[in-house]
N, C-alpha and C. Protein backbone atom coordinates (compact mmCIF):
# COMPACT_ATOMS: atom_id res chain seq x y z
N UNK A 1 -11.99 0.12 17.43
CA UNK A 1 -13.40 0.09 17.77
C UNK A 1 -14.21 0.95 16.44
N UNK A 2 -15.85 0.24 16.48
CA UNK A 2 -16.54 1.38 15.02
C UNK A 2 -17.62 2.20 15.39
N UNK A 3 -17.92 2.55 14.59
CA UNK A 3 -18.86 4.12 14.76
C UNK A 3 -20.30 2.83 13.97
N UNK A 4 -21.36 4.00 15.25
CA UNK A 4 -22.38 3.41 14.92
C UNK A 4 -23.11 4.24 14.67
N UNK A 5 -23.71 4.74 13.66
CA UNK A 5 -24.96 5.82 13.13
C UNK A 5 -25.86 5.72 13.84
N UNK A 6 -26.92 6.92 14.58
CA UNK A 6 -28.36 7.46 15.53
C UNK A 6 -28.76 7.21 14.94
N UNK A 7 -30.20 7.65 14.56
CA UNK A 7 -30.94 8.21 13.28
C UNK A 7 -32.28 7.90 14.54
N UNK A 8 -33.19 9.29 14.26
CA UNK A 8 -34.66 8.75 15.04
C UNK A 8 -35.88 9.52 13.46
N UNK A 9 -37.04 9.24 13.42
CA UNK A 9 -38.14 10.51 13.12
C UNK A 9 -38.21 11.07 13.71
N UNK A 10 -37.96 10.86 15.53
CA UNK A 10 -38.06 11.96 16.26
C UNK A 10 -37.56 13.56 16.57
N UNK A 11 -36.17 13.39 15.21
CA UNK A 11 -36.37 14.59 14.96
C UNK A 11 -35.71 14.58 14.27
N UNK A 12 -35.83 16.23 13.34
CA UNK A 12 -35.08 16.23 11.43
C UNK A 12 -34.49 15.59 10.73
N UNK A 13 -34.70 15.05 9.39
CA UNK A 13 -33.70 13.77 8.87
C UNK A 13 -32.61 14.98 8.65
N UNK A 14 -31.30 14.94 8.40
CA UNK A 14 -29.99 15.49 8.77
C UNK A 14 -30.38 15.31 7.29
N UNK A 15 -29.92 17.37 6.54
CA UNK A 15 -30.04 18.24 5.38
C UNK A 15 -28.49 17.97 4.95
N UNK A 16 -27.49 16.99 4.41
CA UNK A 16 -27.01 16.74 4.01
C UNK A 16 -25.70 16.05 4.24
N UNK A 17 -24.93 14.96 4.04
CA UNK A 17 -23.70 14.30 3.45
C UNK A 17 -23.79 14.06 5.79
N UNK A 18 -24.53 13.94 6.62
CA UNK A 18 -24.27 13.72 8.18
C UNK A 18 -25.34 12.39 8.47
N UNK A 19 -24.79 13.07 9.50
CA UNK A 19 -25.81 11.80 10.90
C UNK A 19 -26.54 12.13 11.74
N UNK A 20 -27.86 12.39 12.24
CA UNK A 20 -27.79 13.31 13.54
C UNK A 20 -26.97 12.53 14.12
N UNK A 21 -26.79 11.39 14.93
CA UNK A 21 -25.54 11.22 15.65
C UNK A 21 -24.66 10.31 15.31
N UNK A 22 -23.20 10.64 15.72
CA UNK A 22 -22.60 8.64 15.75
C UNK A 22 -22.33 8.61 17.34
N UNK A 23 -22.41 7.23 17.34
CA UNK A 23 -21.75 6.50 19.25
C UNK A 23 -20.39 6.40 17.98
N UNK A 24 -19.49 6.51 19.55
CA UNK A 24 -18.75 5.98 19.10
C UNK A 24 -18.08 4.99 20.91
N UNK A 25 -18.62 3.82 21.44
CA UNK A 25 -17.90 3.76 22.58
C UNK A 25 -18.82 3.96 23.61
N UNK A 26 -18.70 4.69 24.61
CA UNK A 26 -19.98 4.46 24.63
C UNK A 26 -20.24 6.42 25.10
N UNK A 27 -19.67 7.42 23.86
CA UNK A 27 -19.88 8.31 23.93
C UNK A 27 -20.93 8.92 22.58
N UNK A 28 -21.09 9.86 22.33
CA UNK A 28 -22.35 9.71 21.36
C UNK A 28 -22.12 11.67 20.74
N UNK A 29 -21.97 11.99 19.92
CA UNK A 29 -21.92 12.59 19.23
C UNK A 29 -22.64 12.94 18.83
N UNK A 30 -23.67 14.15 18.58
CA UNK A 30 -25.03 14.58 18.43
C UNK A 30 -25.08 16.08 17.28
N UNK A 31 -25.12 15.71 16.10
CA UNK A 31 -25.63 16.45 15.78
C UNK A 31 -26.07 18.00 15.83
N UNK A 32 -25.64 19.05 14.84
CA UNK A 32 -26.55 20.47 15.35
C UNK A 32 -27.79 19.99 15.21
N UNK A 33 -29.00 20.35 16.12
CA UNK A 33 -30.06 20.73 15.62
C UNK A 33 -30.70 22.33 15.44
N UNK A 34 -31.30 22.38 14.72
CA UNK A 34 -32.25 23.90 14.18
C UNK A 34 -33.86 23.79 14.92
N UNK A 35 -34.45 24.22 14.83
CA UNK A 35 -36.01 24.25 14.99
C UNK A 35 -36.51 23.86 14.05
N UNK A 36 -36.05 23.39 13.21
CA UNK A 36 -37.06 22.13 11.88
C UNK A 36 -38.11 21.42 13.34
N UNK A 37 -39.72 20.98 12.26
CA UNK A 37 -39.84 19.90 13.21
C UNK A 37 -40.41 18.87 12.16
N UNK A 38 -39.99 17.44 13.18
CA UNK A 38 -39.62 17.15 12.68
C UNK A 38 -41.02 15.48 11.83
N UNK A 39 -41.56 16.32 11.84
CA UNK A 39 -42.85 15.57 10.57
C UNK A 39 -43.08 16.45 9.27
N UNK A 40 -43.22 17.77 9.63
CA UNK A 40 -43.80 18.79 8.78
C UNK A 40 -41.61 19.23 8.16
N UNK A 41 -41.06 19.15 8.60
CA UNK A 41 -39.70 19.52 8.00
C UNK A 41 -39.45 21.25 7.84
N UNK A 42 -40.50 21.93 8.85
CA UNK A 42 -40.68 23.55 8.59
C UNK A 42 -40.08 23.80 9.99
N UNK A 43 -39.41 25.13 9.82
CA UNK A 43 -38.96 26.49 10.86
C UNK A 43 -40.17 26.23 11.96
N UNK A 44 -39.85 26.78 12.95
CA UNK A 44 -41.10 26.19 14.44
C UNK A 44 -42.20 27.18 13.96
N UNK A 45 -41.24 28.90 13.37
CA UNK A 45 -41.28 30.06 14.02
C UNK A 45 -40.25 31.10 13.78
N UNK A 46 -41.16 32.76 14.12
CA UNK A 46 -39.54 33.54 14.10
C UNK A 46 -40.09 33.86 15.61
N UNK A 47 -40.48 33.21 16.32
CA UNK A 47 -40.44 33.03 18.42
C UNK A 47 -39.31 32.53 18.60
N UNK A 48 -38.00 33.62 18.80
CA UNK A 48 -36.98 32.80 19.30
C UNK A 48 -37.13 31.59 20.83
N UNK A 49 -37.84 31.83 21.63
CA UNK A 49 -39.14 30.58 23.02
C UNK A 49 -39.35 29.56 21.77
N UNK A 50 -40.17 30.04 21.27
CA UNK A 50 -40.38 28.54 20.60
C UNK A 50 -39.66 27.70 19.77
N UNK A 51 -38.73 28.26 18.85
CA UNK A 51 -37.19 27.37 18.53
C UNK A 51 -36.68 26.76 19.40
N UNK A 52 -35.85 27.81 20.42
CA UNK A 52 -35.10 27.34 21.07
C UNK A 52 -35.99 25.47 22.12
N UNK A 53 -37.24 25.84 22.20
CA UNK A 53 -37.87 24.67 22.42
C UNK A 53 -38.10 23.28 21.63
N UNK A 54 -38.10 23.55 20.15
CA UNK A 54 -38.01 23.35 19.37
C UNK A 54 -36.49 23.23 19.68
N UNK A 55 -35.44 22.79 19.02
CA UNK A 55 -34.58 22.57 19.23
C UNK A 55 -33.78 22.00 19.97
N UNK A 56 -34.25 21.56 21.62
CA UNK A 56 -34.23 20.96 22.65
C UNK A 56 -35.10 19.41 22.22
N UNK A 57 -36.11 20.21 21.57
CA UNK A 57 -36.92 18.50 21.66
C UNK A 57 -36.50 18.01 20.55
N UNK A 58 -35.73 18.34 19.53
CA UNK A 58 -35.11 17.72 19.01
C UNK A 58 -34.11 17.36 19.05
N UNK A 59 -32.50 18.21 19.86
CA UNK A 59 -31.58 16.79 20.70
C UNK A 59 -32.28 15.83 21.70
N UNK A 60 -33.52 15.66 22.31
CA UNK A 60 -33.82 15.01 23.46
C UNK A 60 -33.98 13.58 22.49
N UNK A 61 -34.93 14.60 21.88
CA UNK A 61 -35.51 12.34 20.58
C UNK A 61 -34.13 11.55 19.90
N UNK A 62 -33.01 12.49 19.37
CA UNK A 62 -32.09 12.12 19.41
C UNK A 62 -30.86 10.71 20.50
N UNK A 63 -31.75 12.43 21.38
CA UNK A 63 -30.71 11.15 23.11
C UNK A 63 -31.34 9.13 22.78
N UNK A 64 -32.52 9.93 23.02
CA UNK A 64 -33.71 8.75 23.37
C UNK A 64 -33.46 7.67 22.64
N UNK A 65 -33.11 8.24 20.75
CA UNK A 65 -32.98 7.24 20.13
C UNK A 65 -31.36 5.88 20.38
N UNK A 66 -30.31 6.67 20.78
CA UNK A 66 -28.74 6.88 21.06
C UNK A 66 -28.64 5.39 22.55
N UNK A 67 -30.52 6.04 22.75
CA UNK A 67 -29.94 5.12 24.71
C UNK A 67 -29.34 6.05 25.58
N UNK A 68 -29.56 7.31 25.53
CA UNK A 68 -30.03 8.79 26.77
C UNK A 68 -30.91 9.19 27.51
N UNK A 69 -30.83 10.69 27.54
CA UNK A 69 -31.43 11.39 27.70
C UNK A 69 -31.12 12.43 27.72
N UNK A 70 -31.58 13.79 28.02
CA UNK A 70 -30.67 15.52 27.17
C UNK A 70 -29.78 15.45 29.02
N UNK A 71 -29.53 14.17 30.08
CA UNK A 71 -29.18 14.70 31.76
C UNK A 71 -27.86 14.33 31.07
N UNK A 72 -27.62 13.16 30.07
CA UNK A 72 -26.62 11.92 29.77
C UNK A 72 -25.64 13.10 29.25
N UNK A 73 -26.69 14.83 27.94
CA UNK A 73 -25.57 15.77 28.20
C UNK A 73 -24.03 16.53 28.99
N UNK A 74 -23.07 15.61 28.60
CA UNK A 74 -22.15 16.65 28.91
C UNK A 74 -21.79 18.01 28.64
N UNK A 75 -21.16 17.65 27.04
CA UNK A 75 -20.80 19.23 26.69
C UNK A 75 -22.00 19.73 25.46
N UNK A 76 -22.18 20.76 25.82
CA UNK A 76 -23.57 21.36 25.36
C UNK A 76 -23.17 22.63 24.27
N UNK A 77 -23.27 23.26 23.58
CA UNK A 77 -22.29 24.00 22.31
C UNK A 77 -24.00 24.42 21.83
N UNK A 78 -24.11 26.19 22.23
CA UNK A 78 -25.32 26.64 21.53
C UNK A 78 -24.47 28.31 20.48
N UNK A 79 -25.50 28.21 19.56
CA UNK A 79 -25.06 29.17 18.41
C UNK A 79 -26.37 29.97 19.02
N UNK A 80 -25.67 31.19 18.90
CA UNK A 80 -27.16 32.19 18.48
C UNK A 80 -26.84 33.50 17.16
N UNK A 81 -27.61 33.38 16.77
CA UNK A 81 -28.52 35.03 16.08
C UNK A 81 -28.06 36.37 17.00
N UNK A 82 -28.41 36.47 18.15
CA UNK A 82 -28.27 37.23 18.37
C UNK A 82 -28.08 37.26 19.91
N UNK A 83 -27.04 37.45 20.30
CA UNK A 83 -26.60 37.09 21.16
C UNK A 83 -27.74 37.44 22.77
N UNK A 84 -28.52 38.44 22.35
CA UNK A 84 -29.31 39.24 23.59
C UNK A 84 -30.12 38.08 24.12
N UNK A 85 -30.64 36.75 23.04
CA UNK A 85 -31.03 35.23 23.99
C UNK A 85 -30.53 35.22 24.33
N UNK A 86 -29.40 35.11 24.91
CA UNK A 86 -29.26 34.48 25.73
C UNK A 86 -29.53 33.93 27.28
N UNK A 87 -30.14 34.79 28.16
CA UNK A 87 -31.22 34.47 28.54
C UNK A 87 -32.26 33.59 28.46
N UNK A 88 -32.53 34.12 27.11
CA UNK A 88 -34.17 32.31 27.08
C UNK A 88 -33.50 31.65 27.20
N UNK A 89 -32.34 31.26 26.83
CA UNK A 89 -31.53 30.33 26.52
C UNK A 89 -31.61 28.88 27.78
N UNK A 90 -30.94 29.79 28.94
CA UNK A 90 -30.89 29.41 30.42
C UNK A 90 -32.31 29.65 30.61
N UNK A 91 -32.83 30.36 30.55
CA UNK A 91 -34.76 29.94 31.64
C UNK A 91 -35.17 28.86 30.77
N UNK A 92 -34.41 28.66 29.61
CA UNK A 92 -35.72 27.38 28.91
C UNK A 92 -35.14 25.71 29.17
N UNK A 93 -33.49 26.12 29.34
CA UNK A 93 -32.63 24.77 29.11
C UNK A 93 -33.25 23.86 30.29
N UNK A 94 -33.08 25.07 31.35
CA UNK A 94 -33.67 24.43 32.91
C UNK A 94 -35.25 24.23 33.27
N UNK A 95 -36.14 24.05 32.38
CA UNK A 95 -37.27 23.06 31.97
C UNK A 95 -36.63 22.10 31.64
N UNK A 96 -35.45 21.88 30.65
CA UNK A 96 -35.42 20.25 30.41
C UNK A 96 -34.15 19.69 30.18
N UNK A 97 -33.27 20.62 30.67
CA UNK A 97 -32.57 19.50 32.29
C UNK A 97 -32.09 19.66 33.49
N UNK A 98 -31.70 18.57 34.86
CA UNK A 98 -32.12 18.83 35.66
C UNK A 98 -29.55 19.00 36.55
N UNK A 99 -29.99 19.58 37.18
CA UNK A 99 -28.23 19.45 38.47
C UNK A 99 -27.62 18.54 38.28
N UNK A 100 -27.10 17.74 37.71
CA UNK A 100 -25.45 19.03 37.60
C UNK A 100 -25.66 19.25 36.08
N UNK A 101 -25.49 20.50 35.96
CA UNK A 101 -26.01 20.61 34.68
C UNK A 101 -24.71 20.51 32.95
N UNK A 102 -25.14 19.69 32.04
CA UNK A 102 -23.92 20.01 31.39
C UNK A 102 -23.32 21.38 31.07
N UNK A 103 -21.51 20.96 30.40
CA UNK A 103 -20.93 22.25 30.17
C UNK A 103 -21.05 22.71 29.46
N UNK A 104 -21.11 24.39 28.86
CA UNK A 104 -21.21 24.65 27.69
C UNK A 104 -20.74 25.51 27.54
N UNK A 105 -21.21 25.97 26.15
CA UNK A 105 -20.51 26.64 25.00
C UNK A 105 -21.67 27.62 24.95
N UNK A 106 -21.26 28.51 24.58
CA UNK A 106 -22.18 30.10 23.78
C UNK A 106 -21.95 31.04 22.93
N UNK A 107 -22.32 31.01 21.15
CA UNK A 107 -21.08 31.38 20.57
C UNK A 107 -22.24 31.66 19.68
N UNK A 108 -22.46 33.61 19.32
CA UNK A 108 -22.55 34.22 18.02
C UNK A 108 -22.69 34.26 16.47
N UNK A 109 -23.09 34.01 16.25
CA UNK A 109 -22.81 33.90 14.86
C UNK A 109 -23.64 34.69 13.83
N UNK A 110 -23.32 35.08 12.50
CA UNK A 110 -24.16 35.97 11.76
C UNK A 110 -24.59 34.94 11.10
N UNK A 111 -25.02 33.22 10.37
CA UNK A 111 -26.65 33.15 10.25
C UNK A 111 -25.91 31.55 10.74
N UNK A 112 -27.67 30.80 10.58
CA UNK A 112 -27.86 29.55 10.46
C UNK A 112 -28.26 29.21 9.64
N UNK A 113 -28.01 27.63 9.29
CA UNK A 113 -29.23 27.29 8.35
C UNK A 113 -30.26 26.95 7.95
N UNK A 114 -30.94 27.45 7.56
CA UNK A 114 -32.61 27.39 7.16
C UNK A 114 -33.25 28.95 8.12
N UNK A 115 -31.99 30.10 8.47
CA UNK A 115 -31.93 31.25 8.76
C UNK A 115 -32.74 31.00 10.57
N UNK A 116 -32.34 29.86 10.55
CA UNK A 116 -32.80 29.94 12.39
C UNK A 116 -32.68 30.66 12.90
N UNK A 117 -32.75 31.18 14.51
CA UNK A 117 -31.99 31.56 15.39
C UNK A 117 -31.10 31.15 16.29
N UNK A 118 -31.44 29.86 16.46
CA UNK A 118 -30.55 29.20 17.40
C UNK A 118 -30.47 27.71 16.85
N UNK A 119 -29.47 27.44 17.10
CA UNK A 119 -29.09 25.91 17.14
C UNK A 119 -27.61 25.52 18.07
N UNK A 120 -28.16 23.90 18.46
CA UNK A 120 -27.48 23.95 19.27
C UNK A 120 -27.06 21.56 19.02
N UNK A 121 -25.76 20.94 19.83
CA UNK A 121 -24.66 20.55 19.15
C UNK A 121 -24.59 20.04 20.62
N UNK A 122 -23.92 18.75 20.94
CA UNK A 122 -23.54 18.29 21.57
C UNK A 122 -22.92 16.43 21.73
N UNK A 123 -21.72 16.31 23.35
CA UNK A 123 -21.97 15.36 23.76
C UNK A 123 -22.64 14.48 24.96
N UNK A 124 -22.92 13.39 24.30
CA UNK A 124 -23.60 12.24 25.22
C UNK A 124 -23.02 11.48 26.22
N UNK A 125 -22.95 10.91 27.43
CA UNK A 125 -21.64 9.86 27.75
C UNK A 125 -23.23 9.08 27.96
N UNK A 126 -22.76 7.47 27.41
CA UNK A 126 -23.68 6.93 27.69
C UNK A 126 -23.17 5.93 29.01
């Protein structure tokens, strides 16, 4: 089975030696998305809610490019520089996902690329 590369201008370009996502069979592995505006390449600001929304919009664009949508994500990983923002993640996720929700992990980290407060990656089933 071959690995297909997924790429879209609807999400920020990869910052390094990786792809926005790769497809192997009916599974798509979504690289981490941080809250960069895909048009400007700039962080959306310091507001955690705005950052969470942008991360989910970026993930959604990659899912669409792969032939799916957020509701096809079977596993989501959330990385936060401040676990006190976990409630915001839950609240905002409910705006983007429908039940049944994906399996999920949330991890507190010391730092994220470009000073982001949140990053998410996942596994999409097609």
